[in-house]
Amino acid sequence: MIITFPRYIADRHCGYCNDSKTDYYALESEAKAKAETKADEMDAIDSKQAMTIGCSIIKMTCLEYDELINKGFRRSGTFLYKNDLLRTCCRLYTIRTNQSQFKLNKKQRKVVNRFIHEICPDESVLEPVKKNQFSLERLIEAQLKSTSYRTSFEPSSFTKEKFELYKKYQVGVHNDDPADVTEKSFKRFLCDTPFSKREMAGSEEEWRGLELGNWTRRDSTIPGKRVGPTHECYYLNDKLIAISVLDFLPSGVSSIYFIWDPDYAYLSLGTLSGIKEIQMCDKLGYEWYYLGYYIEDCPKMVYKGQFGGQLLDVCNEAYYPLEKVHDYIKNGRLFVIGDKTSSAPSAEISMLNNDYPEQGVFNEDCYNAAEDIYGRTNDGGSDVARNHQRALLKKYKVDTTSSEYMLPAVVPGVIPLSQILQWFRDGTIGEGYTQKIGGTSYRLSELSPVGRGLVIDCIRLFGLDRMNDTAIAY
């Protein structure tokens, strides 16, 4: 993997809530403090920002990206990013689901039936179903027998036809200024990828396996299973009406973006695509369908909860059922699953050796430990972490504070500074530790204090093992 140095980016504008939130704190204790304090006094302390940690990806495999998605990352073109869940107005949780966790509701069944009637108006050609019965298999049958509808799976490449639909969608649905919707922005967002030419292009066998007529249940060892960035184009009467932008990964299919023609809003194609893609994952043997980010208090993103599934706890690096953690994240709060029978956790507990419950297991001893870990009563562990920053600088000449783009002392879901300090002390990160930067391998001791700090930020963000196989470009 080849990356640029990560940057901690503050944006005064949030595209998810459009800066409409007044109660956007990670913890209940923060919200109470806001309510009990004069607004102007709080405004002097806090300012609304969308806090993002991101870097450019020059080169990455789908397997590497699969690992990163399950640590809370997402990609936009060749930009890799994750949210700082402690210091932002909208908390972005990775959400995934599959056929067994998805239960169609009445509205979704109506969407499917409406679409079937649209593409196959003569339903007498379909297998009959009993009155008031619903079969999702009928969706596949209707697509196969339709004479007016088809889809095409292809690499995530640019075409004028795709761009024109994208522009129509952005202007008509998201009210973008037409002048801002350019071919360059479309390519950067939905066509450019960091993956290899082999993963981009795929093989004849891979593309053939995605054809609807070849959908059969297959396990993950079958040669030719698609892995790579993909566009699925929807055509009705030979007109492009929708594009689903997807990453096929070893563990599942990641939905990046969905574009639909506003003229076909009555078909609810966004909802239909989610249903169709969950069904596709099941038929083709992909374990998970990744829906991107879920934001509990954002109308644009909360609809994803209708597909069921699990949310990622970035501190545990484990998924928990949405229905189990839903009360924890009300009003956009942070959740970290702890165990009532264990000692109180803190922000300085290592993600690699902690007292959290068994990963992914939710039982009667589980609770939301976010207040215990990051509560303002102990400054979220920041005082302790700043002491570790000073120790790293004094003893090991590692400067992690000189740039506003460096990671804060405490961030949920990154390796704590206590662990970094321990690795220096036990020699895991010693004089011989090397990092490839700009094509040359450097010992940490050869770098300036700030250079060392930037490398440590990479280790905190991606982990030691991943950085051993990663080069940094500049």
Protein backbone atom coordinates (compact mmCIF):
# COMPACT_ATOMS: atom_id res chain seq x y z
CA MET A 1 0.00 0.00 0.00
CA ILE A 2 1.24 3.50 -0.82
CA ILE A 3 -0.26 6.47 1.04
CA THR A 4 0.42 10.11 1.75
CA PHE A 5 0.88 11.29 5.32
CA PRO A 6 -2.56 11.49 6.96
CA ARG A 7 -4.04 14.88 7.80
CA TYR A 8 -6.45 15.87 10.53
CA ILE A 9 -8.89 18.12 8.71
CA ALA A 10 -11.36 20.56 10.24
CA ASP A 11 -14.25 21.70 8.06
CA ARG A 12 -16.53 24.45 9.34
CA HIS A 13 -19.33 23.15 7.10
CA CYS A 14 -20.97 19.73 7.45
CA GLY A 15 -22.64 18.36 4.32
CA TYR A 16 -24.70 15.85 6.29
CA CYS A 17 -26.63 18.17 8.62
CA ASN A 18 -25.90 21.46 6.81
CA ASP A 19 -24.78 22.89 10.15
CA SER A 20 -28.31 22.60 11.55
CA LYS A 21 -27.43 20.77 14.79
CA THR A 22 -27.27 22.63 18.06
CA ASP A 23 -26.81 19.55 20.25
CA TYR A 24 -24.04 17.63 18.54
CA TYR A 25 -21.92 16.43 21.43
CA ALA A 26 -20.52 12.92 21.59
CA LEU A 27 -21.56 12.37 25.21
CA GLU A 28 -24.63 13.03 27.33
CA SER A 29 -22.44 14.83 29.89
CA GLU A 30 -21.35 17.30 27.22
CA ALA A 31 -24.95 17.97 26.20
CA LYS A 32 -25.90 18.61 29.83
CA ALA A 33 -22.97 20.98 30.23
CA LYS A 34 -24.19 22.85 27.16
CA ALA A 35 -27.69 23.14 28.63
CA GLU A 36 -26.37 24.40 31.96
CA THR A 37 -23.95 26.92 30.51
CA LYS A 38 -24.65 30.19 28.76
CA ALA A 39 -24.58 29.71 25.02
CA ASP A 40 -22.04 32.44 24.40
CA GLU A 41 -19.67 30.90 26.94
CA MET A 42 -19.93 27.47 25.29
CA ASP A 43 -19.48 29.02 21.86
CA ALA A 44 -16.15 30.37 23.01
CA ILE A 45 -15.09 26.82 23.83
CA ASP A 46 -16.77 24.82 21.07
CA SER A 47 -17.31 25.55 17.41
CA LYS A 48 -19.17 23.40 14.95
CA GLN A 49 -16.80 21.42 12.80
CA ALA A 50 -16.73 18.22 10.78
CA MET A 51 -13.50 16.55 11.86
CA THR A 52 -12.00 14.10 9.38
CA ILE A 53 -8.79 12.07 9.30
CA GLY A 54 -7.76 11.35 5.73
CA CYS A 55 -5.00 10.71 3.23
CA SER A 56 -4.57 10.05 -0.45
CA ILE A 57 -4.11 6.44 -1.51
CA ILE A 58 -1.66 5.99 -4.36
CA LYS A 59 -1.88 2.20 -4.41
CA MET A 60 -4.04 -0.30 -2.53
CA THR A 61 -5.51 -3.77 -3.04
CA CYS A 62 -9.16 -4.64 -2.47
CA LEU A 63 -8.04 -6.97 0.31
CA GLU A 64 -6.30 -4.08 2.09
CA TYR A 65 -9.35 -1.88 1.64
CA ASP A 66 -11.56 -4.63 3.02
CA GLU A 67 -9.46 -4.57 6.20
CA LEU A 68 -9.68 -0.78 6.41
CA ILE A 69 -13.45 -0.65 5.93
CA ASN A 70 -13.75 -2.84 8.99
CA LYS A 71 -11.72 -0.27 10.95
CA GLY A 72 -14.13 2.53 10.05
CA PHE A 73 -12.54 3.89 6.86
CA ARG A 74 -14.24 4.72 3.56
CA ARG A 75 -12.90 5.89 0.24
CA SER A 76 -14.00 8.70 -2.04
CA GLY A 77 -12.12 8.10 -5.27
CA THR A 78 -8.51 7.85 -4.08
CA PHE A 79 -9.12 9.69 -0.80
CA LEU A 80 -9.29 7.45 2.29
CA TYR A 81 -10.94 8.90 5.38
CA LYS A 82 -12.63 8.26 8.71
CA ASN A 83 -14.50 10.50 11.12
CA ASP A 84 -13.25 11.67 14.51
CA LEU A 85 -16.20 10.35 16.50
CA LEU A 86 -15.37 12.52 19.52
CA ARG A 87 -15.20 15.97 17.94
CA THR A 88 -17.72 16.34 15.14
CA CYS A 89 -21.36 17.24 14.71
CA CYS A 90 -22.30 14.00 12.90
CA ARG A 91 -21.06 10.60 14.09
CA LEU A 92 -20.48 8.30 11.13
CA TYR A 93 -20.79 4.60 11.98
CA THR A 94 -19.91 1.90 9.45
CA ILE A 95 -23.03 -0.20 8.82
CA ARG A 96 -23.28 -3.61 7.19
CA THR A 97 -26.02 -6.18 6.72
CA ASN A 98 -26.88 -9.38 4.88
CA GLN A 99 -29.93 -11.33 3.77
CA SER A 100 -30.40 -13.05 7.13
CA GLN A 101 -30.45 -9.72 9.00
CA PHE A 102 -32.66 -7.89 6.52
CA LYS A 103 -36.43 -8.13 6.95
CA LEU A 104 -38.45 -6.38 4.25
CA ASN A 105 -41.09 -4.02 5.56
CA LYS A 106 -44.40 -3.21 3.92
CA LYS A 107 -43.05 -0.12 2.15
CA GLN A 108 -40.10 -2.03 0.71
CA ARG A 109 -42.36 -4.83 -0.56
CA LYS A 110 -44.45 -2.20 -2.34
CA VAL A 111 -41.28 -0.81 -3.97
CA VAL A 112 -40.37 -4.27 -5.25
CA ASN A 113 -43.88 -4.97 -6.55
CA ARG A 114 -44.07 -1.56 -8.26
CA PHE A 115 -40.73 -2.15 -9.97
CA ILE A 116 -41.73 -5.64 -11.10
CA HIS A 117 -44.89 -4.23 -12.66
CA GLU A 118 -42.89 -1.44 -14.35
CA ILE A 119 -40.36 -3.73 -16.04
CA CYS A 120 -42.68 -6.69 -16.59
CA PRO A 121 -46.22 -5.30 -17.01
CA ASP A 122 -47.49 -8.64 -18.31
CA GLU A 123 -47.04 -10.50 -15.05
CA SER A 124 -48.70 -13.57 -16.53
CA VAL A 125 -45.24 -14.56 -17.82
CA LEU A 126 -44.05 -14.88 -14.24
CA GLU A 127 -44.55 -17.82 -11.94
CA PRO A 128 -47.88 -17.32 -10.16
CA VAL A 129 -47.92 -16.54 -6.45
CA LYS A 130 -50.70 -17.02 -3.98
CA LYS A 131 -52.78 -13.98 -3.14
CA ASN A 132 -51.25 -11.74 -0.47
CA GLN A 133 -47.97 -13.67 -0.64
CA PHE A 134 -44.64 -12.03 -1.38
CA SER A 135 -41.55 -13.66 -2.87
CA LEU A 136 -38.31 -11.73 -3.34
CA GLU A 137 -37.26 -14.38 -5.89
CA ARG A 138 -39.86 -12.84 -8.19
CA LEU A 139 -37.64 -9.76 -8.48
CA ILE A 140 -34.93 -11.84 -10.17
CA GLU A 141 -37.46 -13.60 -12.40
CA ALA A 142 -38.98 -10.30 -13.54
CA GLN A 143 -35.58 -8.88 -14.47
CA LEU A 144 -34.74 -12.00 -16.47
CA LYS A 145 -38.03 -12.01 -18.37
CA SER A 146 -38.34 -8.26 -18.92
CA THR A 147 -38.02 -7.07 -22.51
CA SER A 148 -37.56 -3.42 -21.56
CA TYR A 149 -35.13 -3.54 -18.62
CA ARG A 150 -31.53 -4.69 -18.25
CA THR A 151 -28.44 -3.95 -16.19
CA SER A 152 -24.80 -3.99 -17.16
CA PHE A 153 -21.86 -4.57 -14.80
CA GLU A 154 -18.68 -2.85 -15.95
CA PRO A 155 -15.45 -1.26 -14.65
CA SER A 156 -15.71 2.09 -12.89
CA SER A 157 -14.78 4.04 -15.99
CA PHE A 158 -15.95 7.39 -17.32
CA THR A 159 -18.47 7.78 -20.13
CA LYS A 160 -20.33 10.86 -21.27
CA GLU A 161 -23.63 9.04 -20.73
CA LYS A 162 -22.79 8.32 -17.08
CA PHE A 163 -21.67 11.87 -16.46
CA GLU A 164 -24.84 13.40 -17.94
CA LEU A 165 -27.00 11.27 -15.64
CA TYR A 166 -24.77 12.18 -12.66
CA LYS A 167 -25.15 15.89 -13.41
CA LYS A 168 -28.92 15.58 -13.80
CA TYR A 169 -29.10 13.77 -10.46
CA GLN A 170 -26.85 16.19 -8.55
CA VAL A 171 -28.72 19.24 -9.83
CA GLY A 172 -32.23 17.78 -9.66
CA VAL A 173 -31.99 15.88 -6.37
CA HIS A 174 -29.21 17.59 -4.39
CA ASN A 175 -29.72 21.10 -5.80
CA ASP A 176 -26.08 21.46 -6.81
CA ASP A 177 -25.07 24.44 -8.93
CA PRO A 178 -24.72 23.06 -12.50
CA ALA A 179 -21.42 24.92 -12.87
CA ASP A 180 -19.99 22.93 -9.96
CA VAL A 181 -20.84 19.53 -11.47
CA THR A 182 -17.92 18.88 -13.80
CA GLU A 183 -16.52 15.86 -15.60
CA LYS A 184 -13.39 16.21 -13.47
CA SER A 185 -15.32 16.08 -10.20
CA PHE A 186 -17.31 13.06 -11.40
CA LYS A 187 -14.16 11.18 -12.40
CA ARG A 188 -12.42 12.02 -9.12
CA PHE A 189 -15.42 10.98 -7.01
CA LEU A 190 -16.80 7.91 -8.75
CA CYS A 191 -14.33 6.69 -11.39
CA ASP A 192 -10.81 7.11 -9.98
CA THR A 193 -9.60 4.32 -7.71
CA PRO A 194 -6.33 3.30 -6.03
CA PHE A 195 -6.71 -0.32 -7.15
CA SER A 196 -4.54 -2.17 -9.65
CA LYS A 197 -5.34 -2.41 -13.35
CA ARG A 198 -6.03 -6.11 -12.82
CA GLU A 199 -8.66 -5.42 -10.15
CA MET A 200 -10.09 -2.56 -12.21
CA ALA A 201 -10.42 -4.57 -15.40
CA GLY A 202 -11.45 -7.91 -13.92
CA SER A 203 -11.69 -11.04 -16.04
CA GLU A 204 -14.27 -12.42 -18.43
CA GLU A 205 -15.14 -15.05 -15.86
CA GLU A 206 -15.71 -12.42 -13.14
CA TRP A 207 -18.04 -10.31 -15.29
CA ARG A 208 -19.88 -13.39 -16.53
CA GLY A 209 -20.46 -14.46 -12.93
CA LEU A 210 -22.25 -11.16 -12.21
CA GLU A 211 -24.77 -11.61 -15.00
CA LEU A 212 -28.21 -12.14 -13.54
CA GLY A 213 -28.76 -15.36 -15.45
CA ASN A 214 -25.66 -16.87 -13.83
CA TRP A 215 -26.61 -16.07 -10.23
CA THR A 216 -26.20 -19.26 -8.24
CA ARG A 217 -25.09 -19.74 -4.66
CA ARG A 218 -21.28 -19.98 -4.67
CA ASP A 219 -18.70 -20.05 -1.91
CA SER A 220 -15.81 -17.60 -1.67
CA THR A 221 -13.26 -20.10 -3.03
CA ILE A 222 -14.77 -20.25 -6.50
CA PRO A 223 -12.26 -18.85 -9.04
CA GLY A 224 -13.54 -15.82 -10.91
CA LYS A 225 -15.47 -14.24 -8.06
CA ARG A 226 -15.48 -10.50 -8.75
CA VAL A 227 -13.12 -8.37 -6.65
CA GLY A 228 -12.76 -4.78 -7.78
CA PRO A 229 -14.49 -1.42 -8.37
CA THR A 230 -17.64 -1.74 -10.43
CA HIS A 231 -20.49 0.25 -11.95
CA GLU A 232 -23.87 -1.41 -12.39
CA CYS A 233 -25.83 0.53 -14.98
CA TYR A 234 -29.63 0.27 -15.09
CA TYR A 235 -31.32 0.64 -18.50
CA LEU A 236 -35.03 0.99 -19.20
CA ASN A 237 -36.01 1.00 -22.89
CA ASP A 238 -32.27 1.42 -23.62
CA LYS A 239 -32.11 4.61 -21.55
CA LEU A 240 -29.63 4.82 -18.66
CA ILE A 241 -31.78 5.54 -15.59
CA ALA A 242 -29.47 4.67 -12.69
CA ILE A 243 -25.88 3.80 -11.76
CA SER A 244 -24.82 1.89 -8.67
CA VAL A 245 -21.17 2.49 -7.78
CA LEU A 246 -19.80 -0.54 -5.92
CA ASP A 247 -16.59 -2.07 -4.60
CA PHE A 248 -16.59 -5.85 -4.69
CA LEU A 249 -14.36 -6.95 -1.81
CA PRO A 250 -13.34 -10.34 -0.38
CA SER A 251 -15.77 -10.08 2.56
CA GLY A 252 -18.63 -8.35 0.79
CA VAL A 253 -19.89 -5.62 -1.51
CA SER A 254 -19.46 -1.98 -0.51
CA SER A 255 -21.98 0.54 -1.79
CA ILE A 256 -20.26 3.83 -2.60
CA TYR A 257 -22.94 5.92 -4.29
CA PHE A 258 -26.20 5.54 -6.16
CA ILE A 259 -27.32 7.84 -8.98
CA TRP A 260 -30.86 7.85 -10.38
CA ASP A 261 -32.78 9.82 -12.95
CA PRO A 262 -35.21 12.23 -11.23
CA ASP A 263 -37.77 11.42 -13.94
CA TYR A 264 -38.06 7.94 -12.39
CA ALA A 265 -38.43 9.01 -8.77
CA TYR A 266 -41.72 7.10 -8.57
CA LEU A 267 -39.77 3.82 -8.77
CA SER A 268 -37.85 4.50 -5.53
CA LEU A 269 -34.70 3.21 -7.20
CA GLY A 270 -32.48 3.98 -4.21
CA THR A 271 -34.49 1.66 -1.98
CA LEU A 272 -34.75 -0.91 -4.75
CA SER A 273 -30.98 -0.94 -5.31
CA GLY A 274 -30.32 -1.73 -1.65
CA ILE A 275 -32.78 -4.64 -1.72
CA LYS A 276 -31.37 -5.89 -5.01
CA GLU A 277 -27.77 -5.70 -3.83
CA ILE A 278 -28.45 -7.51 -0.55
CA GLN A 279 -30.07 -10.24 -2.63
CA MET A 280 -27.08 -10.26 -5.00
CA CYS A 281 -24.61 -10.68 -2.12
CA ASP A 282 -26.60 -13.65 -0.86
CA LYS A 283 -26.81 -15.32 -4.26
CA LEU A 284 -23.15 -14.79 -5.14
CA GLY A 285 -21.75 -15.82 -1.77
CA TYR A 286 -20.56 -12.45 -0.46
CA GLU A 287 -20.99 -12.43 3.31
CA TRP A 288 -21.77 -8.74 3.84
CA TYR A 289 -23.34 -5.76 2.16
CA TYR A 290 -21.66 -2.54 3.37
CA LEU A 291 -24.02 0.44 3.15
CA GLY A 292 -21.41 3.09 3.96
CA TYR A 293 -21.98 5.31 6.99
CA TYR A 294 -25.02 5.43 9.25
CA ILE A 295 -25.87 8.65 11.11
CA GLU A 296 -28.67 8.14 13.62
CA ASP A 297 -29.86 11.75 13.70
CA CYS A 298 -29.44 12.62 10.01
CA PRO A 299 -32.45 12.11 7.66
CA LYS A 300 -30.09 11.66 4.69
CA MET A 301 -28.40 8.65 6.30
CA VAL A 302 -30.77 7.12 8.87
CA TYR A 303 -32.78 5.32 6.15
CA LYS A 304 -29.99 2.73 6.02
CA GLY A 305 -31.28 1.35 9.30
CA GLN A 306 -34.31 0.03 7.38
CA PHE A 307 -32.03 -2.66 5.95
CA GLY A 308 -31.15 -4.01 9.42
CA GLY A 309 -27.65 -5.13 10.22
CA GLN A 310 -24.79 -4.08 12.48
CA LEU A 311 -22.82 -0.97 13.46
CA LEU A 312 -19.05 -0.91 13.92
CA ASP A 313 -17.64 -0.05 17.34
CA VAL A 314 -14.29 1.39 16.23
CA CYS A 315 -12.70 1.00 19.67
CA ASN A 316 -13.51 -2.71 19.80
CA GLU A 317 -13.10 -3.13 16.03
CA ALA A 318 -16.23 -5.28 16.28
CA TYR A 319 -19.79 -5.07 15.01
CA TYR A 320 -22.89 -5.05 17.21
CA PRO A 321 -26.58 -5.39 16.20
CA LEU A 322 -28.13 -2.05 15.35
CA GLU A 323 -31.16 -2.75 17.52
CA LYS A 324 -28.90 -3.41 20.55
CA VAL A 325 -26.94 -0.15 20.32
CA HIS A 326 -29.70 2.10 18.96
CA ASP A 327 -30.53 3.59 22.36
CA TYR A 328 -26.84 4.34 22.97
CA ILE A 329 -26.53 6.51 19.86
CA LYS A 330 -29.74 8.52 20.23
CA ASN A 331 -29.21 12.23 19.57
CA GLY A 332 -26.00 11.40 17.72
CA ARG A 333 -24.07 10.14 20.75
CA LEU A 334 -20.90 8.04 20.75
CA PHE A 335 -21.05 4.37 21.69
CA VAL A 336 -18.29 2.06 22.89
CA ILE A 337 -19.34 -1.34 24.22
CA GLY A 338 -17.93 -2.12 27.66
CA ASP A 339 -18.40 -4.92 30.19
CA LYS A 340 -20.02 -4.07 33.54
CA THR A 341 -18.03 -6.79 35.28
CA SER A 342 -14.65 -5.36 34.21
CA SER A 343 -12.73 -2.47 35.69
CA ALA A 344 -13.75 0.94 34.37
CA PRO A 345 -12.17 1.48 30.95
CA SER A 346 -10.25 4.60 30.02
CA ALA A 347 -9.07 6.30 26.86
CA GLU A 348 -5.61 4.90 27.55
CA ILE A 349 -6.68 1.23 27.33
CA SER A 350 -4.97 -0.27 24.31
CA MET A 351 -7.20 -1.41 21.49
CA LEU A 352 -4.84 -4.37 21.16
CA ASN A 353 -5.19 -5.63 24.74
CA ASN A 354 -8.34 -4.43 26.42
CA ASP A 355 -11.07 -5.39 28.86
CA TYR A 356 -13.92 -5.11 26.39
CA PRO A 357 -16.41 -7.98 25.95
CA GLU A 358 -15.68 -10.75 23.48
CA GLN A 359 -15.74 -9.08 20.10
CA GLY A 360 -19.21 -8.85 18.59
CA VAL A 361 -20.90 -10.59 21.54
CA PHE A 362 -23.66 -8.58 23.17
CA ASN A 363 -25.02 -9.85 26.50
CA GLU A 364 -26.58 -8.59 29.74
CA ASP A 365 -23.19 -7.34 31.02
CA CYS A 366 -22.67 -5.01 28.05
CA TYR A 367 -23.19 -1.28 28.41
CA ASN A 368 -22.18 1.96 26.71
CA ALA A 369 -18.75 2.78 28.15
CA ALA A 370 -18.26 6.01 26.17
CA GLU A 371 -18.87 8.25 29.20
CA ASP A 372 -16.39 6.27 31.32
CA ILE A 373 -13.74 6.45 28.61
CA TYR A 374 -14.14 9.95 27.19
CA GLY A 375 -16.24 11.83 29.76
CA ARG A 376 -15.28 15.39 30.57
CA THR A 377 -14.89 14.54 34.24
CA ASN A 378 -11.42 13.26 33.40
CA ASP A 379 -10.99 15.41 30.28
CA GLY A 380 -11.47 12.33 28.14
CA GLY A 381 -8.07 11.03 29.19
CA SER A 382 -6.40 13.96 27.42
CA ASP A 383 -4.28 15.00 30.43
CA VAL A 384 -2.73 11.53 30.63
CA ALA A 385 -2.28 11.39 26.87
CA ARG A 386 -0.57 14.80 26.82
CA ASN A 387 1.86 13.50 29.42
CA HIS A 388 2.63 10.67 27.03
CA GLN A 389 3.17 13.17 24.23
CA ARG A 390 5.70 15.01 26.40
CA ALA A 391 7.45 11.73 27.29
CA LEU A 392 7.68 10.76 23.60
CA LEU A 393 9.24 14.12 22.76
CA LYS A 394 11.65 14.26 25.69
CA LYS A 395 12.92 10.68 25.63
CA TYR A 396 12.45 9.58 22.00
CA LYS A 397 12.39 12.94 20.15
CA VAL A 398 8.96 12.25 18.67
CA ASP A 399 7.00 15.47 18.12
CA THR A 400 3.26 14.78 17.70
CA THR A 401 2.02 18.31 18.37
CA SER A 402 3.76 20.75 16.02
CA SER A 403 1.20 20.64 13.22
CA GLU A 404 -2.53 21.30 13.31
CA TYR A 405 -2.82 18.40 10.87
CA MET A 406 -1.46 15.86 13.36
CA LEU A 407 -3.83 13.58 15.27
CA PRO A 408 -5.15 14.77 18.64
CA ALA A 409 -3.84 13.09 21.76
CA VAL A 410 -7.05 11.03 22.10
CA VAL A 411 -9.13 9.76 19.16
CA PRO A 412 -11.60 6.85 19.29
CA GLY A 413 -10.49 3.97 17.12
CA VAL A 414 -6.78 4.80 16.81
CA ILE A 415 -3.94 3.23 18.79
CA PRO A 416 -3.53 5.15 22.09
CA LEU A 417 -0.32 7.02 22.84
CA SER A 418 0.16 4.80 25.89
CA GLN A 419 0.61 1.84 23.54
CA ILE A 420 3.01 3.81 21.32
CA LEU A 421 5.08 4.73 24.38
CA GLN A 422 5.10 1.12 25.52
CA TRP A 423 6.33 -0.02 22.09
CA PHE A 424 9.23 2.42 22.36
CA ARG A 425 10.07 1.21 25.85
CA ASP A 426 10.04 -2.51 24.99
CA GLY A 427 11.89 -2.04 21.69
CA THR A 428 9.02 -2.91 19.37
CA ILE A 429 9.62 0.53 17.87
CA GLY A 430 13.36 0.79 18.37
CA GLU A 431 16.41 2.33 16.76
CA GLY A 432 16.17 -0.17 13.93
CA TYR A 433 12.56 0.59 13.04
CA THR A 434 12.39 1.64 9.39
CA GLN A 435 9.71 3.24 7.26
CA LYS A 436 9.74 3.61 3.49
CA ILE A 437 9.15 7.26 2.58
CA GLY A 438 9.32 8.56 -0.97
CA GLY A 439 10.99 5.40 -2.24
CA THR A 440 13.72 5.32 0.43
CA SER A 441 13.73 3.34 3.67
CA TYR A 442 14.56 5.55 6.65
CA ARG A 443 15.33 4.58 10.19
CA LEU A 444 13.15 6.47 12.60
CA SER A 445 16.33 7.87 14.17
CA GLU A 446 17.24 9.49 10.82
CA LEU A 447 14.09 11.61 10.76
CA SER A 448 13.44 14.95 12.41
CA PRO A 449 11.20 14.98 15.51
CA VAL A 450 8.27 16.15 13.36
CA GLY A 451 9.04 13.46 10.77
CA ARG A 452 8.99 10.86 13.52
CA GLY A 453 5.70 12.25 14.76
CA LEU A 454 4.15 11.93 11.31
CA VAL A 455 5.25 8.29 11.08
CA ILE A 456 3.80 7.64 14.54
CA ASP A 457 0.50 9.15 13.37
CA CYS A 458 0.48 6.60 10.54
CA ILE A 459 1.13 3.77 13.02
CA ARG A 460 -1.63 5.02 15.32
CA LEU A 461 -4.05 5.16 12.42
CA PHE A 462 -3.21 1.98 10.51
CA GLY A 463 -1.32 -0.22 13.00
CA LEU A 464 2.22 -1.59 13.04
CA ASP A 465 1.54 -4.62 10.87
CA ARG A 466 -0.11 -2.59 8.13
CA MET A 467 2.66 0.05 8.16
CA ASN A 468 5.28 -2.69 7.74
CA ASP A 469 3.74 -3.26 4.30
CA THR A 470 3.09 0.39 3.49
CA ALA A 471 5.14 3.10 1.83
CA ILE A 472 4.55 6.82 2.37
CA ALA A 473 4.64 9.15 -0.63
CA TYR A 474 5.31 12.87 -0.46
